[in-house]
Amino acid sequence: MRGLSVDRLSRYHVPFTVVFVALGVAVADSLSKIWARHSLVAGAKHILGPLWFQLQYNAGLAFSFRGAGTIVTSVIVIVVSVAVLLSGLRARPGASSWGFGLLIGGGVANAIDRFAASPHEVTDFIAVGSFPIFNLADAAITIGFLVLLVKLLQGEKLLT
């Protein structure tokens, strides 16, 4: 069996923006969760106005919403992540690539946290007023979704 050559790989469209944004989100989120798990154990820290850092673990889907259970939640996350990933690999350059990169990076970051950390739950730590506690990955997912929604409402095609 022959390995893949550079010529063979060059035939595939690799959306580098999607990959780099997703990696950036995943790294930033993972580092922030490591910090939160170690620095916020003693209690919440007030930052400014309604912004607090408060450690909370989430077995649900996002923004500390409780789901049907860890296994059901994990299956939902995997199915949605695969669908977004497959779509993101066909993202058009520009805002679509950024939107898909944010979605994929946030999804991957939360999946890494859910499976690698102990407890096997997502680490949430950003608290703003009475809004549910969230993390950087949740924010990236939300912003990515909004970017793609705006582009769709503007009549733009998201995929090649």
N, C-alpha and C. Protein backbone atom coordinates (compact mmCIF):
# COMPACT_ATOMS: atom_id res chain seq x y z
N MET A 1 0.85 -1.18 0.00
CA MET A 1 0.00 0.00 0.00
C MET A 1 0.89 1.24 0.00
N ARG A 2 0.61 2.13 -0.93
CA ARG A 2 1.42 3.34 -1.03
C ARG A 2 0.87 4.42 -0.12
N GLY A 3 1.77 5.24 0.41
CA GLY A 3 1.34 6.36 1.24
C GLY A 3 0.83 7.50 0.36
N LEU A 4 0.17 8.47 0.99
CA LEU A 4 -0.32 9.63 0.25
C LEU A 4 0.84 10.54 -0.11
N SER A 5 0.92 10.93 -1.34
CA SER A 5 1.97 11.84 -1.78
C SER A 5 1.46 13.27 -1.69
N VAL A 6 2.38 14.21 -1.80
CA VAL A 6 1.99 15.62 -1.78
C VAL A 6 1.05 15.91 -2.94
N ASP A 7 1.29 15.30 -4.10
CA ASP A 7 0.41 15.51 -5.25
C ASP A 7 -1.02 15.07 -4.94
N ARG A 8 -1.16 13.94 -4.29
CA ARG A 8 -2.50 13.46 -3.95
C ARG A 8 -3.18 14.40 -2.96
N LEU A 9 -2.43 14.88 -1.97
CA LEU A 9 -3.01 15.78 -0.97
C LEU A 9 -3.40 17.12 -1.58
N SER A 10 -2.68 17.56 -2.61
CA SER A 10 -2.96 18.86 -3.19
C SER A 10 -4.30 18.88 -3.94
N ARG A 11 -4.84 17.72 -4.23
CA ARG A 11 -6.14 17.65 -4.91
C ARG A 11 -7.30 17.99 -3.97
N TYR A 12 -7.06 17.92 -2.68
CA TYR A 12 -8.12 18.17 -1.71
C TYR A 12 -8.12 19.63 -1.31
N HIS A 13 -9.31 20.20 -1.24
CA HIS A 13 -9.45 21.58 -0.77
C HIS A 13 -9.40 21.57 0.76
N VAL A 14 -8.39 22.18 1.32
CA VAL A 14 -8.28 22.25 2.78
C VAL A 14 -8.55 23.69 3.19
N PRO A 15 -9.66 23.92 3.86
CA PRO A 15 -9.98 25.30 4.30
C PRO A 15 -9.12 25.69 5.49
N PHE A 16 -7.95 26.25 5.20
CA PHE A 16 -6.99 26.56 6.26
C PHE A 16 -7.57 27.51 7.31
N THR A 17 -8.41 28.45 6.91
CA THR A 17 -9.00 29.36 7.89
C THR A 17 -9.83 28.58 8.90
N VAL A 18 -10.63 27.64 8.42
CA VAL A 18 -11.44 26.81 9.33
C VAL A 18 -10.53 26.07 10.31
N VAL A 19 -9.49 25.46 9.79
CA VAL A 19 -8.57 24.67 10.62
C VAL A 19 -7.88 25.56 11.65
N PHE A 20 -7.33 26.70 11.24
CA PHE A 20 -6.59 27.55 12.17
C PHE A 20 -7.50 28.20 13.22
N VAL A 21 -8.70 28.63 12.82
CA VAL A 21 -9.63 29.20 13.79
C VAL A 21 -10.05 28.13 14.79
N ALA A 22 -10.37 26.93 14.30
CA ALA A 22 -10.79 25.84 15.18
C ALA A 22 -9.67 25.49 16.17
N LEU A 23 -8.44 25.39 15.67
CA LEU A 23 -7.32 25.09 16.56
C LEU A 23 -7.11 26.20 17.60
N GLY A 24 -7.21 27.45 17.16
CA GLY A 24 -7.05 28.57 18.09
C GLY A 24 -8.09 28.56 19.19
N VAL A 25 -9.34 28.31 18.82
CA VAL A 25 -10.42 28.24 19.81
C VAL A 25 -10.18 27.08 20.77
N ALA A 26 -9.85 25.91 20.23
CA ALA A 26 -9.65 24.73 21.07
C ALA A 26 -8.51 24.93 22.06
N VAL A 27 -7.41 25.51 21.60
CA VAL A 27 -6.26 25.74 22.49
C VAL A 27 -6.61 26.78 23.56
N ALA A 28 -7.17 27.93 23.14
CA ALA A 28 -7.52 28.98 24.11
C ALA A 28 -8.52 28.48 25.14
N ASP A 29 -9.53 27.74 24.67
CA ASP A 29 -10.54 27.22 25.60
C ASP A 29 -9.93 26.21 26.57
N SER A 30 -9.12 25.30 26.05
CA SER A 30 -8.50 24.28 26.92
C SER A 30 -7.62 24.92 27.99
N LEU A 31 -6.83 25.90 27.59
CA LEU A 31 -5.98 26.59 28.56
C LEU A 31 -6.81 27.34 29.60
N SER A 32 -7.90 27.98 29.16
CA SER A 32 -8.75 28.71 30.12
C SER A 32 -9.44 27.76 31.10
N LYS A 33 -9.80 26.57 30.64
CA LYS A 33 -10.45 25.60 31.54
C LYS A 33 -9.45 25.01 32.54
N ILE A 34 -8.22 24.80 32.10
CA ILE A 34 -7.18 24.34 33.03
C ILE A 34 -6.99 25.38 34.12
N TRP A 35 -6.91 26.65 33.70
CA TRP A 35 -6.78 27.74 34.67
C TRP A 35 -7.97 27.75 35.63
N ALA A 36 -9.19 27.66 35.09
CA ALA A 36 -10.40 27.73 35.91
C ALA A 36 -10.46 26.59 36.92
N ARG A 37 -10.12 25.38 36.49
CA ARG A 37 -10.19 24.21 37.38
C ARG A 37 -9.20 24.34 38.55
N HIS A 38 -8.12 25.07 38.34
CA HIS A 38 -7.13 25.23 39.41
C HIS A 38 -7.31 26.51 40.21
N SER A 39 -7.71 27.57 39.56
CA SER A 39 -7.75 28.88 40.23
C SER A 39 -9.08 29.22 40.88
N LEU A 40 -10.14 28.54 40.48
CA LEU A 40 -11.45 28.91 41.01
C LEU A 40 -12.02 27.89 41.99
N VAL A 41 -11.21 26.94 42.42
CA VAL A 41 -11.67 25.91 43.36
C VAL A 41 -12.08 26.54 44.68
N ALA A 42 -11.37 27.57 45.11
CA ALA A 42 -11.65 28.20 46.40
C ALA A 42 -12.90 29.07 46.38
N GLY A 43 -13.38 29.42 45.18
CA GLY A 43 -14.58 30.25 45.11
C GLY A 43 -14.55 31.19 43.93
N ALA A 44 -15.67 31.87 43.75
CA ALA A 44 -15.84 32.78 42.61
C ALA A 44 -14.96 34.02 42.79
N LYS A 45 -14.60 34.61 41.63
CA LYS A 45 -13.81 35.85 41.64
C LYS A 45 -14.58 36.91 40.85
N HIS A 46 -14.80 38.06 41.49
CA HIS A 46 -15.47 39.16 40.82
C HIS A 46 -14.46 39.85 39.91
N ILE A 47 -14.87 40.10 38.65
CA ILE A 47 -13.97 40.72 37.69
C ILE A 47 -14.32 42.20 37.51
N LEU A 48 -15.54 42.46 37.04
CA LEU A 48 -15.96 43.84 36.78
C LEU A 48 -17.47 43.86 36.57
N GLY A 49 -18.15 44.77 37.24
CA GLY A 49 -19.59 44.89 37.05
C GLY A 49 -20.28 43.55 37.26
N PRO A 50 -21.07 43.09 36.27
CA PRO A 50 -21.78 41.83 36.43
C PRO A 50 -20.95 40.59 36.07
N LEU A 51 -19.65 40.79 35.71
CA LEU A 51 -18.80 39.69 35.27
C LEU A 51 -18.08 39.04 36.45
N TRP A 52 -18.28 37.72 36.57
CA TRP A 52 -17.63 36.92 37.59
C TRP A 52 -17.00 35.70 36.93
N PHE A 53 -15.97 35.15 37.54
CA PHE A 53 -15.46 33.84 37.18
C PHE A 53 -15.90 32.91 38.31
N GLN A 54 -16.71 31.92 37.96
CA GLN A 54 -17.28 31.01 38.95
C GLN A 54 -17.26 29.59 38.38
N LEU A 55 -16.56 28.69 39.03
CA LEU A 55 -16.39 27.33 38.54
C LEU A 55 -17.68 26.53 38.69
N GLN A 56 -18.05 25.88 37.59
CA GLN A 56 -19.23 25.01 37.59
C GLN A 56 -18.99 23.92 36.54
N TYR A 57 -19.45 22.73 36.82
CA TYR A 57 -19.32 21.62 35.86
C TYR A 57 -20.67 21.34 35.24
N ASN A 58 -20.66 21.02 33.95
CA ASN A 58 -21.90 20.88 33.20
C ASN A 58 -21.92 19.55 32.46
N ALA A 59 -22.87 18.71 32.81
CA ALA A 59 -23.05 17.44 32.09
C ALA A 59 -24.00 17.61 30.92
N GLY A 60 -24.59 18.80 30.81
CA GLY A 60 -25.56 19.07 29.74
C GLY A 60 -24.89 19.55 28.47
N LEU A 61 -25.66 20.28 27.67
CA LEU A 61 -25.19 20.67 26.34
C LEU A 61 -24.38 21.95 26.34
N ALA A 62 -24.95 23.06 26.81
CA ALA A 62 -24.23 24.33 26.76
C ALA A 62 -24.83 25.29 27.79
N PHE A 63 -24.05 26.27 28.16
CA PHE A 63 -24.49 27.32 29.09
C PHE A 63 -25.11 26.74 30.36
N SER A 64 -24.52 25.65 30.86
CA SER A 64 -24.96 25.00 32.09
C SER A 64 -26.38 24.46 32.04
N PHE A 65 -26.93 24.27 30.84
CA PHE A 65 -28.23 23.64 30.71
C PHE A 65 -28.05 22.14 30.87
N ARG A 66 -28.82 21.55 31.73
CA ARG A 66 -28.73 20.11 31.97
C ARG A 66 -29.40 19.36 30.84
N GLY A 67 -28.77 18.30 30.41
CA GLY A 67 -29.29 17.49 29.32
C GLY A 67 -29.95 16.23 29.84
N ALA A 68 -30.18 15.28 28.95
CA ALA A 68 -30.84 14.04 29.30
C ALA A 68 -29.89 13.09 30.02
N GLY A 69 -28.63 13.35 30.04
CA GLY A 69 -27.65 12.49 30.67
C GLY A 69 -26.37 12.52 29.87
N THR A 70 -25.28 12.10 30.49
CA THR A 70 -23.98 12.21 29.86
C THR A 70 -23.89 11.41 28.56
N ILE A 71 -24.41 10.20 28.54
CA ILE A 71 -24.31 9.36 27.33
C ILE A 71 -25.15 9.96 26.20
N VAL A 72 -26.39 10.32 26.49
CA VAL A 72 -27.26 10.91 25.47
C VAL A 72 -26.67 12.23 24.97
N THR A 73 -26.21 13.05 25.89
CA THR A 73 -25.58 14.32 25.53
C THR A 73 -24.36 14.09 24.65
N SER A 74 -23.53 13.12 25.01
CA SER A 74 -22.32 12.83 24.23
C SER A 74 -22.67 12.38 22.82
N VAL A 75 -23.68 11.55 22.67
CA VAL A 75 -24.09 11.08 21.34
C VAL A 75 -24.60 12.26 20.51
N ILE A 76 -25.41 13.12 21.10
CA ILE A 76 -25.91 14.30 20.38
C ILE A 76 -24.75 15.18 19.94
N VAL A 77 -23.81 15.42 20.85
CA VAL A 77 -22.65 16.26 20.55
C VAL A 77 -21.84 15.66 19.41
N ILE A 78 -21.61 14.36 19.43
CA ILE A 78 -20.82 13.71 18.38
C ILE A 78 -21.51 13.81 17.03
N VAL A 79 -22.81 13.54 16.98
CA VAL A 79 -23.55 13.59 15.71
C VAL A 79 -23.53 15.02 15.13
N VAL A 80 -23.83 15.99 15.97
CA VAL A 80 -23.83 17.38 15.51
C VAL A 80 -22.43 17.81 15.09
N SER A 81 -21.42 17.40 15.86
CA SER A 81 -20.04 17.77 15.54
C SER A 81 -19.59 17.21 14.20
N VAL A 82 -19.94 15.97 13.92
CA VAL A 82 -19.57 15.37 12.64
C VAL A 82 -20.25 16.11 11.49
N ALA A 83 -21.53 16.44 11.65
CA ALA A 83 -22.25 17.18 10.61
C ALA A 83 -21.62 18.55 10.37
N VAL A 84 -21.29 19.26 11.44
CA VAL A 84 -20.67 20.59 11.31
C VAL A 84 -19.28 20.45 10.70
N LEU A 85 -18.52 19.45 11.13
CA LEU A 85 -17.18 19.24 10.58
C LEU A 85 -17.23 18.96 9.09
N LEU A 86 -18.11 18.08 8.66
CA LEU A 86 -18.23 17.77 7.24
C LEU A 86 -18.64 19.00 6.43
N SER A 87 -19.53 19.80 6.98
CA SER A 87 -19.93 21.05 6.31
C SER A 87 -18.77 22.04 6.29
N GLY A 88 -18.08 22.16 7.43
CA GLY A 88 -16.97 23.10 7.54
C GLY A 88 -15.85 22.81 6.56
N LEU A 89 -15.68 21.57 6.19
CA LEU A 89 -14.64 21.22 5.22
C LEU A 89 -14.98 21.72 3.82
N ARG A 90 -16.22 22.15 3.64
CA ARG A 90 -16.65 22.70 2.35
C ARG A 90 -16.99 24.19 2.45
N ALA A 91 -16.55 24.84 3.54
CA ALA A 91 -16.88 26.25 3.76
C ALA A 91 -16.26 27.14 2.70
N ARG A 92 -17.02 28.15 2.31
CA ARG A 92 -16.50 29.16 1.37
C ARG A 92 -15.53 30.05 2.13
N PRO A 93 -14.57 30.63 1.43
CA PRO A 93 -13.63 31.55 2.08
C PRO A 93 -14.37 32.76 2.67
N GLY A 94 -13.78 33.36 3.67
CA GLY A 94 -14.36 34.55 4.28
C GLY A 94 -15.11 34.23 5.57
N ALA A 95 -16.22 34.92 5.76
CA ALA A 95 -16.98 34.80 7.01
C ALA A 95 -17.45 33.37 7.26
N SER A 96 -17.81 32.65 6.22
CA SER A 96 -18.26 31.26 6.40
C SER A 96 -17.16 30.40 7.02
N SER A 97 -15.94 30.57 6.57
CA SER A 97 -14.83 29.82 7.14
C SER A 97 -14.61 30.17 8.61
N TRP A 98 -14.74 31.44 8.94
CA TRP A 98 -14.61 31.86 10.33
C TRP A 98 -15.74 31.27 11.17
N GLY A 99 -16.97 31.34 10.67
CA GLY A 99 -18.11 30.80 11.40
C GLY A 99 -17.97 29.31 11.67
N PHE A 100 -17.61 28.56 10.62
CA PHE A 100 -17.43 27.12 10.81
C PHE A 100 -16.24 26.82 11.71
N GLY A 101 -15.17 27.59 11.60
CA GLY A 101 -14.01 27.40 12.48
C GLY A 101 -14.37 27.60 13.94
N LEU A 102 -15.17 28.63 14.23
CA LEU A 102 -15.61 28.87 15.60
C LEU A 102 -16.50 27.73 16.10
N LEU A 103 -17.43 27.28 15.26
CA LEU A 103 -18.31 26.17 15.65
C LEU A 103 -17.51 24.90 15.93
N ILE A 104 -16.63 24.55 15.00
CA ILE A 104 -15.85 23.32 15.14
C ILE A 104 -14.90 23.41 16.33
N GLY A 105 -14.21 24.52 16.46
CA GLY A 105 -13.28 24.69 17.57
C GLY A 105 -13.97 24.61 18.92
N GLY A 106 -15.12 25.26 19.04
CA GLY A 106 -15.87 25.20 20.29
C GLY A 106 -16.37 23.80 20.59
N GLY A 107 -16.87 23.13 19.57
CA GLY A 107 -17.36 21.76 19.76
C GLY A 107 -16.24 20.80 20.15
N VAL A 108 -15.11 20.92 19.47
CA VAL A 108 -13.96 20.06 19.79
C VAL A 108 -13.46 20.35 21.20
N ALA A 109 -13.37 21.62 21.55
CA ALA A 109 -12.87 21.99 22.88
C ALA A 109 -13.76 21.44 23.98
N ASN A 110 -15.07 21.56 23.83
CA ASN A 110 -15.98 21.01 24.85
C ASN A 110 -15.92 19.49 24.89
N ALA A 111 -15.75 18.85 23.73
CA ALA A 111 -15.64 17.39 23.70
C ALA A 111 -14.37 16.93 24.41
N ILE A 112 -13.26 17.63 24.16
CA ILE A 112 -12.00 17.29 24.83
C ILE A 112 -12.18 17.41 26.34
N ASP A 113 -12.79 18.50 26.78
CA ASP A 113 -13.01 18.72 28.21
C ASP A 113 -13.90 17.63 28.80
N ARG A 114 -14.98 17.29 28.10
CA ARG A 114 -15.94 16.30 28.59
C ARG A 114 -15.28 14.93 28.76
N PHE A 115 -14.41 14.54 27.82
CA PHE A 115 -13.84 13.20 27.87
C PHE A 115 -12.52 13.12 28.61
N ALA A 116 -11.74 14.20 28.65
CA ALA A 116 -10.40 14.14 29.23
C ALA A 116 -10.36 14.58 30.69
N ALA A 117 -11.24 15.45 31.09
CA ALA A 117 -11.17 16.01 32.44
C ALA A 117 -11.91 15.11 33.44
N SER A 118 -11.66 15.37 34.69
CA SER A 118 -12.37 14.66 35.74
C SER A 118 -12.95 15.71 36.68
N PRO A 119 -14.25 15.77 36.88
CA PRO A 119 -15.26 14.84 36.38
C PRO A 119 -15.44 14.98 34.86
N HIS A 120 -16.07 13.98 34.24
CA HIS A 120 -16.28 13.97 32.79
C HIS A 120 -17.44 14.89 32.42
N GLU A 121 -17.25 16.13 32.73
CA GLU A 121 -18.24 17.17 32.44
C GLU A 121 -17.49 18.39 31.90
N VAL A 122 -18.22 19.25 31.23
CA VAL A 122 -17.61 20.46 30.67
C VAL A 122 -17.43 21.49 31.77
N THR A 123 -16.30 22.15 31.75
CA THR A 123 -15.99 23.19 32.73
C THR A 123 -16.56 24.52 32.26
N ASP A 124 -17.46 25.10 33.03
CA ASP A 124 -18.00 26.43 32.77
C ASP A 124 -17.49 27.35 33.87
N PHE A 125 -17.22 28.60 33.51
CA PHE A 125 -16.68 29.49 34.55
C PHE A 125 -16.96 30.97 34.31
N ILE A 126 -17.55 31.35 33.20
CA ILE A 126 -17.81 32.77 32.94
C ILE A 126 -19.26 33.06 33.31
N ALA A 127 -19.44 33.92 34.30
CA ALA A 127 -20.78 34.26 34.78
C ALA A 127 -21.02 35.75 34.54
N VAL A 128 -22.10 36.05 33.82
CA VAL A 128 -22.47 37.43 33.55
C VAL A 128 -23.91 37.64 34.00
N GLY A 129 -24.07 38.35 35.11
CA GLY A 129 -25.40 38.61 35.63
C GLY A 129 -26.15 37.31 35.89
N SER A 130 -27.41 37.27 35.45
CA SER A 130 -28.23 36.08 35.66
C SER A 130 -28.19 35.11 34.48
N PHE A 131 -27.35 35.42 33.47
CA PHE A 131 -27.21 34.53 32.31
C PHE A 131 -26.54 33.24 32.77
N PRO A 132 -26.88 32.09 32.19
CA PRO A 132 -26.23 30.83 32.60
C PRO A 132 -24.71 30.89 32.42
N ILE A 133 -24.01 30.21 33.31
CA ILE A 133 -22.55 30.19 33.28
C ILE A 133 -22.08 29.45 32.03
N PHE A 134 -21.02 29.97 31.38
CA PHE A 134 -20.54 29.39 30.13
C PHE A 134 -19.01 29.41 30.09
N ASN A 135 -18.44 29.03 28.95
CA ASN A 135 -16.99 29.02 28.77
C ASN A 135 -16.65 29.61 27.41
N LEU A 136 -15.37 29.68 27.08
CA LEU A 136 -14.95 30.26 25.80
C LEU A 136 -15.48 29.45 24.61
N ALA A 137 -15.52 28.13 24.74
CA ALA A 137 -16.02 27.28 23.66
C ALA A 137 -17.49 27.59 23.38
N ASP A 138 -18.30 27.74 24.44
CA ASP A 138 -19.71 28.09 24.27
C ASP A 138 -19.86 29.42 23.55
N ALA A 139 -19.01 30.39 23.93
CA ALA A 139 -19.05 31.70 23.27
C ALA A 139 -18.67 31.58 21.80
N ALA A 140 -17.64 30.78 21.49
CA ALA A 140 -17.22 30.58 20.10
C ALA A 140 -18.33 29.92 19.28
N ILE A 141 -18.98 28.92 19.86
CA ILE A 141 -20.08 28.24 19.17
C ILE A 141 -21.20 29.23 18.87
N THR A 142 -21.56 30.03 19.84
CA THR A 142 -22.64 31.01 19.66
C THR A 142 -22.27 32.04 18.60
N ILE A 143 -21.07 32.58 18.67
CA ILE A 143 -20.63 33.59 17.69
C ILE A 143 -20.55 32.97 16.30
N GLY A 144 -20.01 31.75 16.21
CA GLY A 144 -19.94 31.07 14.91
C GLY A 144 -21.31 30.85 14.31
N PHE A 145 -22.26 30.41 15.14
CA PHE A 145 -23.63 30.21 14.67
C PHE A 145 -24.22 31.53 14.19
N LEU A 146 -24.02 32.61 14.93
CA LEU A 146 -24.56 33.91 14.54
C LEU A 146 -23.94 34.42 13.24
N VAL A 147 -22.64 34.22 13.07
CA VAL A 147 -21.98 34.62 11.82
C VAL A 147 -22.61 33.89 10.64
N LEU A 148 -22.79 32.57 10.77
CA LEU A 148 -23.37 31.79 9.69
C LEU A 148 -24.83 32.16 9.45
N LEU A 149 -25.57 32.43 10.51
CA LEU A 149 -26.97 32.83 10.38
C LEU A 149 -27.09 34.16 9.64
N VAL A 150 -26.26 35.13 10.00
CA VAL A 150 -26.28 36.43 9.33
C VAL A 150 -25.96 36.26 7.85
N LYS A 151 -24.96 35.47 7.54
CA LYS A 151 -24.60 35.24 6.14
C LYS A 151 -25.73 34.57 5.37
N LEU A 152 -26.40 33.62 5.99
CA LEU A 152 -27.55 32.97 5.34
C LEU A 152 -28.68 33.98 5.11
N LEU A 153 -28.96 34.82 6.11
CA LEU A 153 -30.02 35.83 5.98
C LEU A 153 -29.68 36.88 4.93
N GLN A 154 -28.38 37.09 4.70
CA GLN A 154 -27.95 38.01 3.65
C GLN A 154 -27.98 37.35 2.27
N GLY A 155 -28.37 36.09 2.23
CA GLY A 155 -28.48 35.37 0.97
C GLY A 155 -27.20 34.79 0.46
N GLU A 156 -26.17 34.74 1.30
CA GLU A 156 -24.87 34.20 0.86
C GLU A 156 -24.86 32.68 0.96
N LYS A 157 -24.13 32.08 0.06
CA LYS A 157 -23.92 30.64 0.06
C LYS A 157 -22.77 30.34 1.01
N LEU A 158 -22.96 29.40 1.95
CA LEU A 158 -21.94 29.09 2.95
C LEU A 158 -20.94 28.04 2.50
N LEU A 159 -21.35 27.16 1.60
CA LEU A 159 -20.51 26.03 1.19
C LEU A 159 -20.14 26.12 -0.27
N THR A 160 -19.00 25.50 -0.60
CA THR A 160 -18.56 25.47 -2.00
C THR A 160 -19.28 24.38 -2.76
